[in-house]
Amino acid sequence: GWFRRAPGKEREFVAAITWSGGRT
């Protein structure tokens, strides 16, 4: 997965992918 943390913000989810099937 990808997460991000903006200045002054909590870390938030961006995107994810399953390794086997590639579901996003």
PDB file of all heavy atoms in Angstrom:
ATOM      1  N   GLY A   1       0.805  -1.203   0.000  1.00  0.00           N
ATOM      2  CA  GLY A   1       0.000   0.000   0.000  1.00  0.00           C
ATOM      3  C   GLY A   1       0.839   1.253   0.000  1.00  0.00           C
ATOM      4  O   GLY A   1       2.049   1.226   0.259  1.00  0.00           O
ATOM      5  N   TRP A   2       0.178   2.341  -0.317  1.00  0.00           N
ATOM      6  CA  TRP A   2       0.763   3.668  -0.220  1.00  0.00           C
ATOM      7  C   TRP A   2      -0.042   4.484   0.778  1.00  0.00           C
ATOM      8  O   TRP A   2      -1.282   4.518   0.719  1.00  0.00           O
ATOM      9  CB  TRP A   2       0.756   4.387  -1.566  1.00  0.00           C
ATOM     10  CG  TRP A   2       1.731   3.848  -2.563  1.00  0.00           C
ATOM     11  CD1 TRP A   2       1.491   2.961  -3.557  1.00  0.00           C
ATOM     12  CD2 TRP A   2       3.113   4.187  -2.653  1.00  0.00           C
ATOM     13  NE1 TRP A   2       2.632   2.721  -4.274  1.00  0.00           N
ATOM     14  CE2 TRP A   2       3.646   3.460  -3.740  1.00  0.00           C
ATOM     15  CE3 TRP A   2       3.952   5.036  -1.924  1.00  0.00           C
ATOM     16  CZ2 TRP A   2       4.993   3.552  -4.119  1.00  0.00           C
ATOM     17  CZ3 TRP A   2       5.287   5.126  -2.296  1.00  0.00           C
ATOM     18  CH2 TRP A   2       5.790   4.386  -3.378  1.00  0.00           C
ATOM     19  N   PHE A   3       0.661   5.128   1.673  1.00  0.00           N
ATOM     20  CA  PHE A   3       0.076   6.060   2.621  1.00  0.00           C
ATOM     21  C   PHE A   3       0.816   7.380   2.505  1.00  0.00           C
ATOM     22  O   PHE A   3       1.926   7.436   1.974  1.00  0.00           O
ATOM     23  CB  PHE A   3       0.172   5.522   4.048  1.00  0.00           C
ATOM     24  CG  PHE A   3      -0.706   4.329   4.305  1.00  0.00           C
ATOM     25  CD1 PHE A   3      -0.344   3.067   3.868  1.00  0.00           C
ATOM     26  CD2 PHE A   3      -1.900   4.473   4.992  1.00  0.00           C
ATOM     27  CE1 PHE A   3      -1.149   1.969   4.093  1.00  0.00           C
ATOM     28  CE2 PHE A   3      -2.718   3.383   5.231  1.00  0.00           C
ATOM     29  CZ  PHE A   3      -2.343   2.134   4.777  1.00  0.00           C
ATOM     30  N   ARG A   4       0.208   8.419   3.015  1.00  0.00           N
ATOM     31  CA  ARG A   4       0.878   9.712   2.987  1.00  0.00           C
ATOM     32  C   ARG A   4       0.577  10.484   4.266  1.00  0.00           C
ATOM     33  O   ARG A   4      -0.453  10.291   4.899  1.00  0.00           O
ATOM     34  CB  ARG A   4       0.455  10.533   1.762  1.00  0.00           C
ATOM     35  CG  ARG A   4      -1.006  10.968   1.760  1.00  0.00           C
ATOM     36  CD  ARG A   4      -1.365  11.614   0.431  1.00  0.00           C
ATOM     37  NE  ARG A   4      -2.734  12.098   0.414  1.00  0.00           N
ATOM     38  CZ  ARG A   4      -3.348  12.574  -0.658  1.00  0.00           C
ATOM     39  NH1 ARG A   4      -2.700  12.639  -1.818  1.00  0.00           N
ATOM     40  NH2 ARG A   4      -4.607  12.985  -0.575  1.00  0.00           N
ATOM     41  N   ARG A   5       1.514  11.355   4.610  1.00  0.00           N
ATOM     42  CA  ARG A   5       1.347  12.236   5.747  1.00  0.00           C
ATOM     43  C   ARG A   5       1.649  13.663   5.313  1.00  0.00           C
ATOM     44  O   ARG A   5       2.788  13.982   4.969  1.00  0.00           O
ATOM     45  CB  ARG A   5       2.259  11.839   6.899  1.00  0.00           C
ATOM     46  CG  ARG A   5       1.889  12.527   8.213  1.00  0.00           C
ATOM     47  CD  ARG A   5       3.000  12.422   9.242  1.00  0.00           C
ATOM     48  NE  ARG A   5       3.465  11.070   9.450  1.00  0.00           N
ATOM     49  CZ  ARG A   5       2.934  10.205  10.307  1.00  0.00           C
ATOM     50  NH1 ARG A   5       1.885  10.542  11.041  1.00  0.00           N
ATOM     51  NH2 ARG A   5       3.455   8.992  10.439  1.00  0.00           N
ATOM     52  N   ALA A   6       0.629  14.478   5.311  1.00  0.00           N
ATOM     53  CA  ALA A   6       0.783  15.889   4.995  1.00  0.00           C
ATOM     54  C   ALA A   6       1.181  16.645   6.253  1.00  0.00           C
ATOM     55  O   ALA A   6       0.927  16.183   7.376  1.00  0.00           O
ATOM     56  CB  ALA A   6      -0.513  16.444   4.419  1.00  0.00           C
ATOM     57  N   PRO A   7       1.784  17.816   6.092  1.00  0.00           N
ATOM     58  CA  PRO A   7       2.173  18.601   7.263  1.00  0.00           C
ATOM     59  C   PRO A   7       0.992  18.868   8.187  1.00  0.00           C
ATOM     60  O   PRO A   7      -0.064  19.332   7.756  1.00  0.00           O
ATOM     61  CB  PRO A   7       2.702  19.901   6.656  1.00  0.00           C
ATOM     62  CG  PRO A   7       3.168  19.509   5.294  1.00  0.00           C
ATOM     63  CD  PRO A   7       2.196  18.466   4.837  1.00  0.00           C
ATOM     64  N   GLY A   8       1.168  18.555   9.454  1.00  0.00           N
ATOM     65  CA  GLY A   8       0.130  18.779  10.436  1.00  0.00           C
ATOM     66  C   GLY A   8      -1.032  17.820  10.379  1.00  0.00           C
ATOM     67  O   GLY A   8      -2.017  18.019  11.099  1.00  0.00           O
ATOM     68  N   LYS A   9      -0.938  16.788   9.557  1.00  0.00           N
ATOM     69  CA  LYS A   9      -2.026  15.838   9.397  1.00  0.00           C
ATOM     70  C   LYS A   9      -1.598  14.436   9.817  1.00  0.00           C
ATOM     71  O   LYS A   9      -0.408  14.132   9.910  1.00  0.00           O
ATOM     72  CB  LYS A   9      -2.500  15.801   7.940  1.00  0.00           C
ATOM     73  CG  LYS A   9      -2.975  17.128   7.386  1.00  0.00           C
ATOM     74  CD  LYS A   9      -4.272  17.565   8.031  1.00  0.00           C
ATOM     75  CE  LYS A   9      -4.805  18.815   7.375  1.00  0.00           C
ATOM     76  NZ  LYS A   9      -6.088  19.239   7.977  1.00  0.00           N
ATOM     77  N   GLU A  10      -2.582  13.597  10.059  1.00  0.00           N
ATOM     78  CA  GLU A  10      -2.323  12.194  10.335  1.00  0.00           C
ATOM     79  C   GLU A  10      -2.025  11.447   9.045  1.00  0.00           C
ATOM     80  O   GLU A  10      -2.403  11.876   7.952  1.00  0.00           O
ATOM     81  CB  GLU A  10      -3.514  11.560  11.044  1.00  0.00           C
ATOM     82  CG  GLU A  10      -3.832  12.145  12.405  1.00  0.00           C
ATOM     83  CD  GLU A  10      -2.734  11.875  13.398  1.00  0.00           C
ATOM     84  OE1 GLU A  10      -2.183  10.761  13.407  1.00  0.00           O
ATOM     85  OE2 GLU A  10      -2.419  12.787  14.181  1.00  0.00           O
ATOM     86  N   ARG A  11      -1.351  10.345   9.181  1.00  0.00           N
ATOM     87  CA  ARG A  11      -1.087   9.505   8.024  1.00  0.00           C
ATOM     88  C   ARG A  11      -2.404   8.962   7.475  1.00  0.00           C
ATOM     89  O   ARG A  11      -3.269   8.511   8.235  1.00  0.00           O
ATOM     90  CB  ARG A  11      -0.159   8.359   8.414  1.00  0.00           C
ATOM     91  CG  ARG A  11       0.283   7.491   7.263  1.00  0.00           C
ATOM     92  CD  ARG A  11       1.459   6.623   7.665  1.00  0.00           C
ATOM     93  NE  ARG A  11       1.158   5.786   8.804  1.00  0.00           N
ATOM     94  CZ  ARG A  11       2.068   5.101   9.479  1.00  0.00           C
ATOM     95  NH1 ARG A  11       3.350   5.174   9.130  1.00  0.00           N
ATOM     96  NH2 ARG A  11       1.695   4.350  10.509  1.00  0.00           N
ATOM     97  N   GLU A  12      -2.560   8.995   6.165  1.00  0.00           N
ATOM     98  CA  GLU A  12      -3.790   8.552   5.550  1.00  0.00           C
ATOM     99  C   GLU A  12      -3.529   7.592   4.401  1.00  0.00           C
ATOM    100  O   GLU A  12      -2.490   7.646   3.733  1.00  0.00           O
ATOM    101  CB  GLU A  12      -4.616   9.740   5.048  1.00  0.00           C
ATOM    102  CG  GLU A  12      -3.987  10.501   3.893  1.00  0.00           C
ATOM    103  CD  GLU A  12      -4.900  11.567   3.317  1.00  0.00           C
ATOM    104  OE1 GLU A  12      -6.095  11.594   3.661  1.00  0.00           O
ATOM    105  OE2 GLU A  12      -4.411  12.383   2.512  1.00  0.00           O
ATOM    106  N   PHE A  13      -4.489   6.743   4.175  1.00  0.00           N
ATOM    107  CA  PHE A  13      -4.426   5.767   3.108  1.00  0.00           C
ATOM    108  C   PHE A  13      -4.528   6.436   1.751  1.00  0.00           C
ATOM    109  O   PHE A  13      -5.309   7.376   1.566  1.00  0.00           O
ATOM    110  CB  PHE A  13      -5.563   4.757   3.275  1.00  0.00           C
ATOM    111  CG  PHE A  13      -5.741   3.836   2.109  1.00  0.00           C
ATOM    112  CD1 PHE A  13      -4.875   2.764   1.911  1.00  0.00           C
ATOM    113  CD2 PHE A  13      -6.777   4.017   1.219  1.00  0.00           C
ATOM    114  CE1 PHE A  13      -5.041   1.909   0.842  1.00  0.00           C
ATOM    115  CE2 PHE A  13      -6.957   3.165   0.148  1.00  0.00           C
ATOM    116  CZ  PHE A  13      -6.083   2.113  -0.038  1.00  0.00           C
ATOM    117  N   VAL A  14      -3.750   5.932   0.791  1.00  0.00           N
ATOM    118  CA  VAL A  14      -3.795   6.429  -0.571  1.00  0.00           C
ATOM    119  C   VAL A  14      -4.248   5.344  -1.535  1.00  0.00           C
ATOM    120  O   VAL A  14      -5.216   5.519  -2.282  1.00  0.00           O
ATOM    121  CB  VAL A  14      -2.427   6.982  -1.016  1.00  0.00           C
ATOM    122  CG1 VAL A  14      -2.476   7.425  -2.477  1.00  0.00           C
ATOM    123  CG2 VAL A  14      -2.001   8.133  -0.114  1.00  0.00           C
ATOM    124  N   ALA A  15      -3.548   4.218  -1.544  1.00  0.00           N
ATOM    125  CA  ALA A  15      -3.842   3.146  -2.486  1.00  0.00           C
ATOM    126  C   ALA A  15      -3.244   1.856  -1.975  1.00  0.00           C
ATOM    127  O   ALA A  15      -2.318   1.856  -1.163  1.00  0.00           O
ATOM    128  CB  ALA A  15      -3.293   3.471  -3.880  1.00  0.00           C
ATOM    129  N   ALA A  16      -3.759   0.739  -2.465  1.00  0.00           N
ATOM    130  CA  ALA A  16      -3.225  -0.571  -2.115  1.00  0.00           C
ATOM    131  C   ALA A  16      -3.432  -1.522  -3.276  1.00  0.00           C
ATOM    132  O   ALA A  16      -4.306  -1.312  -4.129  1.00  0.00           O
ATOM    133  CB  ALA A  16      -3.885  -1.122  -0.855  1.00  0.00           C
ATOM    134  N   ILE A  17      -2.630  -2.578  -3.297  1.00  0.00           N
ATOM    135  CA  ILE A  17      -2.735  -3.591  -4.332  1.00  0.00           C
ATOM    136  C   ILE A  17      -2.420  -4.949  -3.736  1.00  0.00           C
ATOM    137  O   ILE A  17      -1.504  -5.078  -2.930  1.00  0.00           O
ATOM    138  CB  ILE A  17      -1.807  -3.266  -5.532  1.00  0.00           C
ATOM    139  CG1 ILE A  17      -2.106  -4.172  -6.726  1.00  0.00           C
ATOM    140  CG2 ILE A  17      -0.336  -3.374  -5.128  1.00  0.00           C
ATOM    141  CD1 ILE A  17      -1.445  -3.700  -8.010  1.00  0.00           C
ATOM    142  N   THR A  18      -3.186  -5.962  -4.111  1.00  0.00           N
ATOM    143  CA  THR A  18      -2.856  -7.315  -3.701  1.00  0.00           C
ATOM    144  C   THR A  18      -1.762  -7.850  -4.607  1.00  0.00           C
ATOM    145  O   THR A  18      -1.748  -7.592  -5.816  1.00  0.00           O
ATOM    146  CB  THR A  18      -4.080  -8.243  -3.748  1.00  0.00           C
ATOM    147  OG1 THR A  18      -4.614  -8.292  -5.078  1.00  0.00           O
ATOM    148  CG2 THR A  18      -5.155  -7.767  -2.788  1.00  0.00           C
ATOM    149  N   TRP A  19      -0.827  -8.571  -4.011  1.00  0.00           N
ATOM    150  CA  TRP A  19       0.347  -9.001  -4.757  1.00  0.00           C
ATOM    151  C   TRP A  19       0.030 -10.058  -5.795  1.00  0.00           C
ATOM    152  O   TRP A  19       0.541 -10.014  -6.908  1.00  0.00           O
ATOM    153  CB  TRP A  19       1.424  -9.501  -3.801  1.00  0.00           C
ATOM    154  CG  TRP A  19       2.755  -9.612  -4.446  1.00  0.00           C
ATOM    155  CD1 TRP A  19       3.455 -10.745  -4.713  1.00  0.00           C
ATOM    156  CD2 TRP A  19       3.555  -8.526  -4.918  1.00  0.00           C
ATOM    157  NE1 TRP A  19       4.633 -10.444  -5.323  1.00  0.00           N
ATOM    158  CE2 TRP A  19       4.734  -9.086  -5.458  1.00  0.00           C
ATOM    159  CE3 TRP A  19       3.393  -7.136  -4.932  1.00  0.00           C
ATOM    160  CZ2 TRP A  19       5.738  -8.297  -6.016  1.00  0.00           C
ATOM    161  CZ3 TRP A  19       4.392  -6.357  -5.483  1.00  0.00           C
ATOM    162  CH2 TRP A  19       5.544  -6.948  -6.020  1.00  0.00           C
ATOM    163  N   SER A  20      -0.813 -10.992  -5.432  1.00  0.00           N
ATOM    164  CA  SER A  20      -1.116 -12.090  -6.331  1.00  0.00           C
ATOM    165  C   SER A  20      -2.046 -11.670  -7.463  1.00  0.00           C
ATOM    166  O   SER A  20      -1.737 -11.870  -8.641  1.00  0.00           O
ATOM    167  CB  SER A  20      -1.734 -13.246  -5.547  1.00  0.00           C
ATOM    168  OG  SER A  20      -2.069 -14.316  -6.410  1.00  0.00           O
ATOM    169  N   GLY A  21      -3.178 -11.093  -7.109  1.00  0.00           N
ATOM    170  CA  GLY A  21      -4.178 -10.798  -8.114  1.00  0.00           C
ATOM    171  C   GLY A  21      -4.128  -9.407  -8.704  1.00  0.00           C
ATOM    172  O   GLY A  21      -4.737  -9.163  -9.749  1.00  0.00           O
ATOM    173  N   GLY A  22      -3.425  -8.499  -8.049  1.00  0.00           N
ATOM    174  CA  GLY A  22      -3.339  -7.148  -8.559  1.00  0.00           C
ATOM    175  C   GLY A  22      -4.594  -6.320  -8.361  1.00  0.00           C
ATOM    176  O   GLY A  22      -4.789  -5.318  -9.060  1.00  0.00           O
ATOM    177  N   ARG A  23      -5.459  -6.714  -7.452  1.00  0.00           N
ATOM    178  CA  ARG A  23      -6.639  -5.913  -7.166  1.00  0.00           C
ATOM    179  C   ARG A  23      -6.223  -4.625  -6.471  1.00  0.00           C
ATOM    180  O   ARG A  23      -5.418  -4.641  -5.546  1.00  0.00           O
ATOM    181  CB  ARG A  23      -7.614  -6.694  -6.289  1.00  0.00           C
ATOM    182  CG  ARG A  23      -8.894  -5.949  -5.964  1.00  0.00           C
ATOM    183  CD  ARG A  23      -9.792  -6.755  -5.062  1.00  0.00           C
ATOM    184  NE  ARG A  23     -10.274  -7.966  -5.718  1.00  0.00           N
ATOM    185  CZ  ARG A  23     -11.098  -8.834  -5.149  1.00  0.00           C
ATOM    186  NH1 ARG A  23     -11.525  -8.636  -3.908  1.00  0.00           N
ATOM    187  NH2 ARG A  23     -11.480  -9.910  -5.812  1.00  0.00           N
ATOM    188  N   THR A  24      -6.787  -3.526  -6.912  1.00  0.00           N
ATOM    189  CA  THR A  24      -6.403  -2.224  -6.385  1.00  0.00           C
ATOM    190  C   THR A  24      -7.525  -1.576  -5.600  1.00  0.00           C
ATOM    191  O   THR A  24      -8.708  -1.828  -5.833  1.00  0.00           O
ATOM    192  CB  THR A  24      -5.968  -1.285  -7.513  1.00  0.00           C
ATOM    193  OG1 THR A  24      -6.985  -1.233  -8.517  1.00  0.00           O
ATOM    194  CG2 THR A  24      -4.663  -1.753  -8.136  1.00  0.00           C
TER     195      THR A  24
END
